[in-house]
Amino acid sequence: MLDRMFNYENPVWQFMGRIADIMILNAMALIFSIPIITIGASWTALYYCTVKIVRGEDTYVWKEFWVSFKSNFKQATIIWLILIPFLLILSIDVLMWINDPTLLPKVLKITTVIVICIVLAVTIYVFPILSHFENTTRNTLKNAFLVAMINIPYTIYFIIILLLPIVIVYIDLRFMMFDMLAGISAPALLASFGWNKIFKKLEPKAEETQEEADDSNEESIVKEAEREMMLTGAAQSEDTDN
């Protein structure tokens, strides 16, 4: 009985191990985000680890996090620096809007909301995609936009999951302890169940040759997105004709 209790294959120990992994990832994501400029690389490494956890792969989170952080640092930082000005400007617009709802005309309000949704969606999608696919910076940003547009239900789910820790702390500061322990990694892990399904649709098929897989990996998301958008457009045309 004692052997079974202290066996690391025991579901209880596995569950406790995952809890420890989540807390370690949260601490690393916080620490590696402190310089602000490294937030992009930190989020990329975080999603690299959480997707592996969701897939049931053996994951030494501290090691996997560091490997991904180093390998994606340059590209993730460039993408983050591109996004920062948009996020700052939109944040200022929202604050001004909250302080004075009559400040912006109706047309400008609608435009601002649309731009906020696009920038937020790209920011949410770009780092998980970067963690899983090798591509140019331009194509990674383009892919993030396309995948967000063709996966609206997942986009809404990701926004809710990622904003939830902020909302609960705003409601009650006593939840701050949860945020410090798992407020970043736990939502990322929950979001990764969705990412795993999205990635499976976009990954090169197993029967492809290595050369075909490399070519597919470069543009797979764009092609998949464009294909789905074309099919949607065709279906809509048929409905219109009928």
C-alpha atoms as a PDB file:
ATOM      1  CA  MET A   1       0.000   0.000   0.000  1.00  0.00           C
ATOM      2  CA  LEU A   2       2.825   2.386   0.873  1.00  0.00           C
ATOM      3  CA  ASP A   3       4.548   1.554  -2.422  1.00  0.00           C
ATOM      4  CA  ARG A   4       1.378   2.504  -4.278  1.00  0.00           C
ATOM      5  CA  MET A   5       0.987   5.699  -2.243  1.00  0.00           C
ATOM      6  CA  PHE A   6       4.523   6.916  -2.955  1.00  0.00           C
ATOM      7  CA  ASN A   7       4.588   5.745  -6.561  1.00  0.00           C
ATOM      8  CA  TYR A   8       5.108   8.763  -8.818  1.00  0.00           C
ATOM      9  CA  GLU A   9       2.736   7.176 -11.359  1.00  0.00           C
ATOM     10  CA  ASN A  10      -0.019   7.607  -8.790  1.00  0.00           C
ATOM     11  CA  PRO A  11      -2.700  10.016 -10.152  1.00  0.00           C
ATOM     12  CA  VAL A  12      -2.517  12.059  -6.943  1.00  0.00           C
ATOM     13  CA  TRP A  13       1.219  12.621  -7.358  1.00  0.00           C
ATOM     14  CA  GLN A  14       0.755  13.431 -11.042  1.00  0.00           C
ATOM     15  CA  PHE A  15      -1.908  15.990 -10.163  1.00  0.00           C
ATOM     16  CA  MET A  16       0.322  17.551  -7.507  1.00  0.00           C
ATOM     17  CA  GLY A  17       3.158  17.605 -10.026  1.00  0.00           C
ATOM     18  CA  ARG A  18       1.004  19.528 -12.499  1.00  0.00           C
ATOM     19  CA  ILE A  19       0.035  22.019  -9.794  1.00  0.00           C
ATOM     20  CA  ALA A  20       3.735  22.527  -9.088  1.00  0.00           C
ATOM     21  CA  ASP A  21       4.417  22.954 -12.833  1.00  0.00           C
ATOM     22  CA  ILE A  22       1.701  25.622 -13.076  1.00  0.00           C
ATOM     23  CA  MET A  23       3.157  27.534 -10.126  1.00  0.00           C
ATOM     24  CA  ILE A  24       6.704  27.289 -11.498  1.00  0.00           C
ATOM     25  CA  LEU A  25       5.556  28.505 -14.912  1.00  0.00           C
ATOM     26  CA  ASN A  26       3.673  31.387 -13.316  1.00  0.00           C
ATOM     27  CA  ALA A  27       6.751  32.457 -11.357  1.00  0.00           C
ATOM     28  CA  MET A  28       8.972  32.228 -14.442  1.00  0.00           C
ATOM     29  CA  ALA A  29       6.479  34.136 -16.614  1.00  0.00           C
ATOM     30  CA  LEU A  30       6.335  36.915 -14.014  1.00  0.00           C
ATOM     31  CA  ILE A  31      10.093  37.109 -13.500  1.00  0.00           C
ATOM     32  CA  PHE A  32      10.942  37.032 -17.204  1.00  0.00           C
ATOM     33  CA  SER A  33       8.314  39.713 -17.902  1.00  0.00           C
ATOM     34  CA  ILE A  34       9.688  42.214 -15.375  1.00  0.00           C
ATOM     35  CA  PRO A  35      11.928  44.031 -17.895  1.00  0.00           C
ATOM     36  CA  ILE A  36       8.692  44.720 -19.886  1.00  0.00           C
ATOM     37  CA  ILE A  37      10.557  44.420 -23.189  1.00  0.00           C
ATOM     38  CA  THR A  38      10.809  40.646 -22.656  1.00  0.00           C
ATOM     39  CA  ILE A  39       7.060  40.072 -22.224  1.00  0.00           C
ATOM     40  CA  GLY A  40       6.712  38.718 -25.771  1.00  0.00           C
ATOM     41  CA  ALA A  41       9.429  36.105 -25.306  1.00  0.00           C
ATOM     42  CA  SER A  42       8.057  35.206 -21.877  1.00  0.00           C
ATOM     43  CA  TRP A  43       4.534  34.598 -23.212  1.00  0.00           C
ATOM     44  CA  THR A  44       5.919  32.590 -26.120  1.00  0.00           C
ATOM     45  CA  ALA A  45       7.824  30.318 -23.739  1.00  0.00           C
ATOM     46  CA  LEU A  46       4.796  30.016 -21.454  1.00  0.00           C
ATOM     47  CA  TYR A  47       2.530  28.781 -24.267  1.00  0.00           C
ATOM     48  CA  TYR A  48       5.225  26.457 -25.547  1.00  0.00           C
ATOM     49  CA  CYS A  49       5.151  24.705 -22.167  1.00  0.00           C
ATOM     50  CA  THR A  50       1.395  24.746 -21.564  1.00  0.00           C
ATOM     51  CA  VAL A  51       0.592  23.220 -24.956  1.00  0.00           C
ATOM     52  CA  LYS A  52       3.080  20.414 -24.231  1.00  0.00           C
ATOM     53  CA  ILE A  53       1.376  19.841 -20.865  1.00  0.00           C
ATOM     54  CA  VAL A  54      -2.068  19.674 -22.513  1.00  0.00           C
ATOM     55  CA  ARG A  55      -0.717  17.133 -25.013  1.00  0.00           C
ATOM     56  CA  GLY A  56       0.514  14.961 -22.155  1.00  0.00           C
ATOM     57  CA  GLU A  57       4.158  15.223 -23.178  1.00  0.00           C
ATOM     58  CA  ASP A  58       6.928  14.832 -20.614  1.00  0.00           C
ATOM     59  CA  THR A  59       7.753  18.412 -19.690  1.00  0.00           C
ATOM     60  CA  TYR A  60      10.466  19.781 -17.440  1.00  0.00           C
ATOM     61  CA  VAL A  61       8.860  23.202 -17.374  1.00  0.00           C
ATOM     62  CA  TRP A  62      11.833  25.265 -16.201  1.00  0.00           C
ATOM     63  CA  LYS A  63      14.082  23.730 -18.863  1.00  0.00           C
ATOM     64  CA  GLU A  64      11.492  23.899 -21.679  1.00  0.00           C
ATOM     65  CA  PHE A  65      10.606  27.483 -20.761  1.00  0.00           C
ATOM     66  CA  TRP A  66      14.235  28.596 -20.910  1.00  0.00           C
ATOM     67  CA  VAL A  67      14.900  26.827 -24.223  1.00  0.00           C
ATOM     68  CA  SER A  68      11.868  28.430 -25.869  1.00  0.00           C
ATOM     69  CA  PHE A  69      12.641  31.824 -24.328  1.00  0.00           C
ATOM     70  CA  LYS A  70      16.154  31.834 -25.771  1.00  0.00           C
ATOM     71  CA  SER A  71      15.271  30.449 -29.196  1.00  0.00           C
ATOM     72  CA  ASN A  72      12.349  32.839 -29.770  1.00  0.00           C
ATOM     73  CA  PHE A  73      13.708  35.863 -27.919  1.00  0.00           C
ATOM     74  CA  LYS A  74      14.695  37.966 -30.929  1.00  0.00           C
ATOM     75  CA  GLN A  75      11.553  37.444 -32.990  1.00  0.00           C
ATOM     76  CA  ALA A  76       9.182  37.637 -30.006  1.00  0.00           C
ATOM     77  CA  THR A  77      10.795  40.881 -28.865  1.00  0.00           C
ATOM     78  CA  ILE A  78      10.501  42.429 -32.334  1.00  0.00           C
ATOM     79  CA  ILE A  79       6.811  41.484 -32.474  1.00  0.00           C
ATOM     80  CA  TRP A  80       6.232  42.831 -28.959  1.00  0.00           C
ATOM     81  CA  LEU A  81       7.923  46.139 -29.853  1.00  0.00           C
ATOM     82  CA  ILE A  82       5.652  46.401 -32.909  1.00  0.00           C
ATOM     83  CA  LEU A  83       2.555  45.845 -30.773  1.00  0.00           C
ATOM     84  CA  ILE A  84       3.464  48.146 -27.857  1.00  0.00           C
ATOM     85  CA  PRO A  85       2.696  51.481 -29.627  1.00  0.00           C
ATOM     86  CA  PHE A  86      -0.715  50.204 -30.775  1.00  0.00           C
ATOM     87  CA  LEU A  87      -1.547  48.916 -27.284  1.00  0.00           C
ATOM     88  CA  LEU A  88      -0.461  52.187 -25.640  1.00  0.00           C
ATOM     89  CA  ILE A  89      -2.408  54.403 -28.039  1.00  0.00           C
ATOM     90  CA  LEU A  90      -5.541  52.283 -27.734  1.00  0.00           C
ATOM     91  CA  SER A  91      -5.216  52.187 -23.922  1.00  0.00           C
ATOM     92  CA  ILE A  92      -5.045  55.999 -23.841  1.00  0.00           C
ATOM     93  CA  ASP A  93      -8.080  56.203 -26.127  1.00  0.00           C
ATOM     94  CA  VAL A  94     -10.052  53.867 -23.851  1.00  0.00           C
ATOM     95  CA  LEU A  95      -9.115  55.837 -20.720  1.00  0.00           C
ATOM     96  CA  MET A  96     -10.108  59.116 -22.376  1.00  0.00           C
ATOM     97  CA  TRP A  97     -13.337  57.504 -23.537  1.00  0.00           C
ATOM     98  CA  ILE A  98     -14.135  56.285 -20.006  1.00  0.00           C
ATOM     99  CA  ASN A  99     -13.443  59.713 -18.488  1.00  0.00           C
ATOM    100  CA  ASP A 100     -15.536  61.504 -21.110  1.00  0.00           C
ATOM    101  CA  PRO A 101     -17.973  59.303 -23.113  1.00  0.00           C
ATOM    102  CA  THR A 102     -18.948  62.278 -25.268  1.00  0.00           C
ATOM    103  CA  LEU A 103     -15.375  62.946 -26.335  1.00  0.00           C
ATOM    104  CA  LEU A 104     -15.464  60.795 -29.482  1.00  0.00           C
ATOM    105  CA  PRO A 105     -18.103  60.929 -32.226  1.00  0.00           C
ATOM    106  CA  LYS A 106     -20.087  57.742 -32.850  1.00  0.00           C
ATOM    107  CA  VAL A 107     -18.233  56.788 -36.042  1.00  0.00           C
ATOM    108  CA  LEU A 108     -14.866  57.158 -34.319  1.00  0.00           C
ATOM    109  CA  LYS A 109     -16.081  55.106 -31.365  1.00  0.00           C
ATOM    110  CA  ILE A 110     -17.063  52.228 -33.659  1.00  0.00           C
ATOM    111  CA  THR A 111     -13.734  52.455 -35.494  1.00  0.00           C
ATOM    112  CA  THR A 112     -11.847  52.456 -32.191  1.00  0.00           C
ATOM    113  CA  VAL A 113     -13.717  49.380 -30.948  1.00  0.00           C
ATOM    114  CA  ILE A 114     -12.956  47.508 -34.181  1.00  0.00           C
ATOM    115  CA  VAL A 115      -9.252  48.415 -34.006  1.00  0.00           C
ATOM    116  CA  ILE A 116      -9.117  47.410 -30.317  1.00  0.00           C
ATOM    117  CA  CYS A 117     -10.636  44.006 -31.118  1.00  0.00           C
ATOM    118  CA  ILE A 118      -8.158  43.409 -33.972  1.00  0.00           C
ATOM    119  CA  VAL A 119      -5.088  44.459 -31.965  1.00  0.00           C
ATOM    120  CA  LEU A 120      -6.224  42.458 -28.931  1.00  0.00           C
ATOM    121  CA  ALA A 121      -6.874  39.361 -31.060  1.00  0.00           C
ATOM    122  CA  VAL A 122      -3.478  39.596 -32.782  1.00  0.00           C
ATOM    123  CA  THR A 123      -1.742  40.098 -29.415  1.00  0.00           C
ATOM    124  CA  ILE A 124      -3.479  37.031 -27.967  1.00  0.00           C
ATOM    125  CA  TYR A 125      -2.759  34.799 -30.974  1.00  0.00           C
ATOM    126  CA  VAL A 126       0.694  35.841 -32.123  1.00  0.00           C
ATOM    127  CA  PHE A 127       2.823  34.463 -29.279  1.00  0.00           C
ATOM    128  CA  PRO A 128       1.218  31.000 -29.065  1.00  0.00           C
ATOM    129  CA  ILE A 129       1.578  30.723 -32.858  1.00  0.00           C
ATOM    130  CA  LEU A 130       5.215  31.826 -32.642  1.00  0.00           C
ATOM    131  CA  SER A 131       5.839  29.206 -29.958  1.00  0.00           C
ATOM    132  CA  HIS A 132       4.652  26.425 -32.267  1.00  0.00           C
ATOM    133  CA  PHE A 133       5.480  27.436 -35.846  1.00  0.00           C
ATOM    134  CA  GLU A 134       8.646  28.759 -37.485  1.00  0.00           C
ATOM    135  CA  ASN A 135       7.899  31.660 -39.783  1.00  0.00           C
ATOM    136  CA  THR A 136       8.899  35.197 -40.657  1.00  0.00           C
ATOM    137  CA  THR A 137       7.793  38.036 -38.381  1.00  0.00           C
ATOM    138  CA  ARG A 138       5.514  39.427 -41.080  1.00  0.00           C
ATOM    139  CA  ASN A 139       3.836  36.073 -41.722  1.00  0.00           C
ATOM    140  CA  THR A 140       3.514  35.335 -38.005  1.00  0.00           C
ATOM    141  CA  LEU A 141       1.581  38.576 -37.495  1.00  0.00           C
ATOM    142  CA  LYS A 142      -0.489  37.896 -40.612  1.00  0.00           C
ATOM    143  CA  ASN A 143      -1.221  34.352 -39.463  1.00  0.00           C
ATOM    144  CA  ALA A 144      -2.269  35.583 -36.015  1.00  0.00           C
ATOM    145  CA  PHE A 145      -4.831  37.894 -37.609  1.00  0.00           C
ATOM    146  CA  LEU A 146      -6.170  35.252 -40.023  1.00  0.00           C
ATOM    147  CA  VAL A 147      -6.445  32.484 -37.434  1.00  0.00           C
ATOM    148  CA  ALA A 148      -8.179  34.860 -35.019  1.00  0.00           C
ATOM    149  CA  MET A 149     -10.727  35.795 -37.683  1.00  0.00           C
ATOM    150  CA  ILE A 150     -11.596  32.199 -38.608  1.00  0.00           C
ATOM    151  CA  ASN A 151     -11.776  31.033 -34.987  1.00  0.00           C
ATOM    152  CA  ILE A 152     -14.064  33.669 -33.469  1.00  0.00           C
ATOM    153  CA  PRO A 153     -15.515  31.339 -30.774  1.00  0.00           C
ATOM    154  CA  TYR A 154     -11.974  30.466 -29.622  1.00  0.00           C
ATOM    155  CA  THR A 155     -11.015  34.146 -29.761  1.00  0.00           C
ATOM    156  CA  ILE A 156     -13.866  35.033 -27.408  1.00  0.00           C
ATOM    157  CA  TYR A 157     -12.924  32.110 -25.155  1.00  0.00           C
ATOM    158  CA  PHE A 158      -9.281  33.219 -24.996  1.00  0.00           C
ATOM    159  CA  ILE A 159     -10.231  36.814 -24.167  1.00  0.00           C
ATOM    160  CA  ILE A 160     -12.526  35.697 -21.327  1.00  0.00           C
ATOM    161  CA  ILE A 161      -9.995  33.241 -19.884  1.00  0.00           C
ATOM    162  CA  LEU A 162      -7.060  35.663 -20.014  1.00  0.00           C
ATOM    163  CA  LEU A 163      -8.991  38.635 -18.607  1.00  0.00           C
ATOM    164  CA  LEU A 164     -10.640  36.637 -15.817  1.00  0.00           C
ATOM    165  CA  PRO A 165      -7.729  36.968 -13.300  1.00  0.00           C
ATOM    166  CA  ILE A 166      -7.769  40.753 -13.750  1.00  0.00           C
ATOM    167  CA  VAL A 167     -11.546  40.905 -13.279  1.00  0.00           C
ATOM    168  CA  ILE A 168     -11.602  38.798 -10.117  1.00  0.00           C
ATOM    169  CA  VAL A 169      -8.851  40.897  -8.532  1.00  0.00           C
ATOM    170  CA  TYR A 170     -10.757  44.053  -9.453  1.00  0.00           C
ATOM    171  CA  ILE A 171     -13.829  42.580  -7.724  1.00  0.00           C
ATOM    172  CA  ASP A 172     -11.938  41.432  -4.626  1.00  0.00           C
ATOM    173  CA  LEU A 173      -8.267  42.109  -3.838  1.00  0.00           C
ATOM    174  CA  ARG A 174      -8.090  38.921  -1.786  1.00  0.00           C
ATOM    175  CA  PHE A 175      -7.758  37.040  -5.090  1.00  0.00           C
ATOM    176  CA  MET A 176      -4.382  38.726  -5.603  1.00  0.00           C
ATOM    177  CA  MET A 177      -2.691  35.720  -4.002  1.00  0.00           C
ATOM    178  CA  PHE A 178      -4.140  33.458  -6.699  1.00  0.00           C
ATOM    179  CA  ASP A 179      -2.820  35.788  -9.386  1.00  0.00           C
ATOM    180  CA  MET A 180       0.638  35.689  -7.838  1.00  0.00           C
ATOM    181  CA  LEU A 181       0.627  31.870  -7.757  1.00  0.00           C
ATOM    182  CA  ALA A 182      -1.200  30.961 -10.973  1.00  0.00           C
ATOM    183  CA  GLY A 183      -2.901  34.025 -12.434  1.00  0.00           C
ATOM    184  CA  ILE A 184      -0.858  33.857 -15.647  1.00  0.00           C
ATOM    185  CA  SER A 185      -0.055  30.173 -16.118  1.00  0.00           C
ATOM    186  CA  ALA A 186      -3.489  28.737 -15.187  1.00  0.00           C
ATOM    187  CA  PRO A 187      -5.385  30.807 -17.810  1.00  0.00           C
ATOM    188  CA  ALA A 188      -2.645  29.996 -20.340  1.00  0.00           C
ATOM    189  CA  LEU A 189      -3.085  26.291 -19.578  1.00  0.00           C
ATOM    190  CA  LEU A 190      -6.867  26.514 -20.004  1.00  0.00           C
ATOM    191  CA  ALA A 191      -6.403  28.443 -23.250  1.00  0.00           C
ATOM    192  CA  SER A 192      -3.963  25.789 -24.469  1.00  0.00           C
ATOM    193  CA  PHE A 193      -6.772  23.236 -24.745  1.00  0.00           C
ATOM    194  CA  GLY A 194      -8.107  25.482 -27.496  1.00  0.00           C
ATOM    195  CA  TRP A 195      -4.657  26.078 -28.950  1.00  0.00           C
ATOM    196  CA  ASN A 196      -4.040  22.345 -29.142  1.00  0.00           C
ATOM    197  CA  LYS A 197      -7.151  21.871 -31.310  1.00  0.00           C
ATOM    198  CA  ILE A 198      -6.246  24.826 -33.535  1.00  0.00           C
ATOM    199  CA  PHE A 199      -2.649  23.666 -33.959  1.00  0.00           C
ATOM    200  CA  LYS A 200      -3.714  20.140 -34.896  1.00  0.00           C
ATOM    201  CA  LYS A 201      -5.663  21.561 -37.854  1.00  0.00           C
ATOM    202  CA  LEU A 202      -2.659  23.601 -39.002  1.00  0.00           C
ATOM    203  CA  GLU A 203       0.216  21.170 -38.485  1.00  0.00           C
ATOM    204  CA  PRO A 204       1.703  19.382 -41.522  1.00  0.00           C
ATOM    205  CA  LYS A 205       0.272  15.900 -42.010  1.00  0.00           C
ATOM    206  CA  ALA A 206       2.402  12.960 -40.852  1.00  0.00           C
ATOM    207  CA  GLU A 207       2.633  11.391 -44.333  1.00  0.00           C
ATOM    208  CA  GLU A 208       4.278  14.472 -45.859  1.00  0.00           C
ATOM    209  CA  THR A 209       7.966  14.339 -46.743  1.00  0.00           C
ATOM    210  CA  GLN A 210      10.361  16.544 -44.787  1.00  0.00           C
ATOM    211  CA  GLU A 211      10.695  18.975 -47.694  1.00  0.00           C
ATOM    212  CA  GLU A 212       6.923  19.196 -48.047  1.00  0.00           C
ATOM    213  CA  ALA A 213       6.569  19.645 -44.292  1.00  0.00           C
ATOM    214  CA  ASP A 214       9.078  22.511 -44.289  1.00  0.00           C
ATOM    215  CA  ASP A 215       7.227  24.254 -47.105  1.00  0.00           C
ATOM    216  CA  SER A 216       3.893  23.625 -45.418  1.00  0.00           C
ATOM    217  CA  ASN A 217       5.182  24.858 -42.073  1.00  0.00           C
ATOM    218  CA  GLU A 218       6.205  28.175 -43.625  1.00  0.00           C
ATOM    219  CA  GLU A 219       2.765  29.030 -44.972  1.00  0.00           C
ATOM    220  CA  SER A 220       0.471  26.391 -43.454  1.00  0.00           C
ATOM    221  CA  ILE A 221      -1.576  28.764 -41.339  1.00  0.00           C
ATOM    222  CA  VAL A 222      -2.051  31.267 -44.144  1.00  0.00           C
ATOM    223  CA  LYS A 223      -3.102  28.547 -46.599  1.00  0.00           C
ATOM    224  CA  GLU A 224      -5.457  26.954 -44.094  1.00  0.00           C
ATOM    225  CA  ALA A 225      -7.005  30.285 -43.223  1.00  0.00           C
ATOM    226  CA  GLU A 226      -7.389  31.310 -46.850  1.00  0.00           C
ATOM    227  CA  ARG A 227      -8.820  27.892 -47.731  1.00  0.00           C
ATOM    228  CA  GLU A 228     -11.423  28.096 -44.979  1.00  0.00           C
ATOM    229  CA  MET A 229     -12.304  31.661 -45.919  1.00  0.00           C
ATOM    230  CA  MET A 230     -12.713  30.622 -49.584  1.00  0.00           C
ATOM    231  CA  LEU A 231     -14.928  27.697 -48.597  1.00  0.00           C
ATOM    232  CA  THR A 232     -17.016  29.990 -46.416  1.00  0.00           C
ATOM    233  CA  GLY A 233     -17.331  32.467 -49.267  1.00  0.00           C
ATOM    234  CA  ALA A 234     -18.349  29.689 -51.678  1.00  0.00           C
ATOM    235  CA  ALA A 235     -20.960  28.403 -49.275  1.00  0.00           C
ATOM    236  CA  GLN A 236     -22.372  31.881 -48.838  1.00  0.00           C
ATOM    237  CA  SER A 237     -22.521  32.315 -52.629  1.00  0.00           C
ATOM    238  CA  GLU A 238     -24.428  29.056 -53.009  1.00  0.00           C
ATOM    239  CA  ASP A 239     -26.916  30.125 -50.348  1.00  0.00           C
ATOM    240  CA  THR A 240     -27.384  33.434 -52.132  1.00  0.00           C
ATOM    241  CA  ASP A 241     -27.958  31.710 -55.494  1.00  0.00           C
ATOM    242  CA  ASN A 242     -30.508  29.388 -53.958  1.00  0.00           C
END
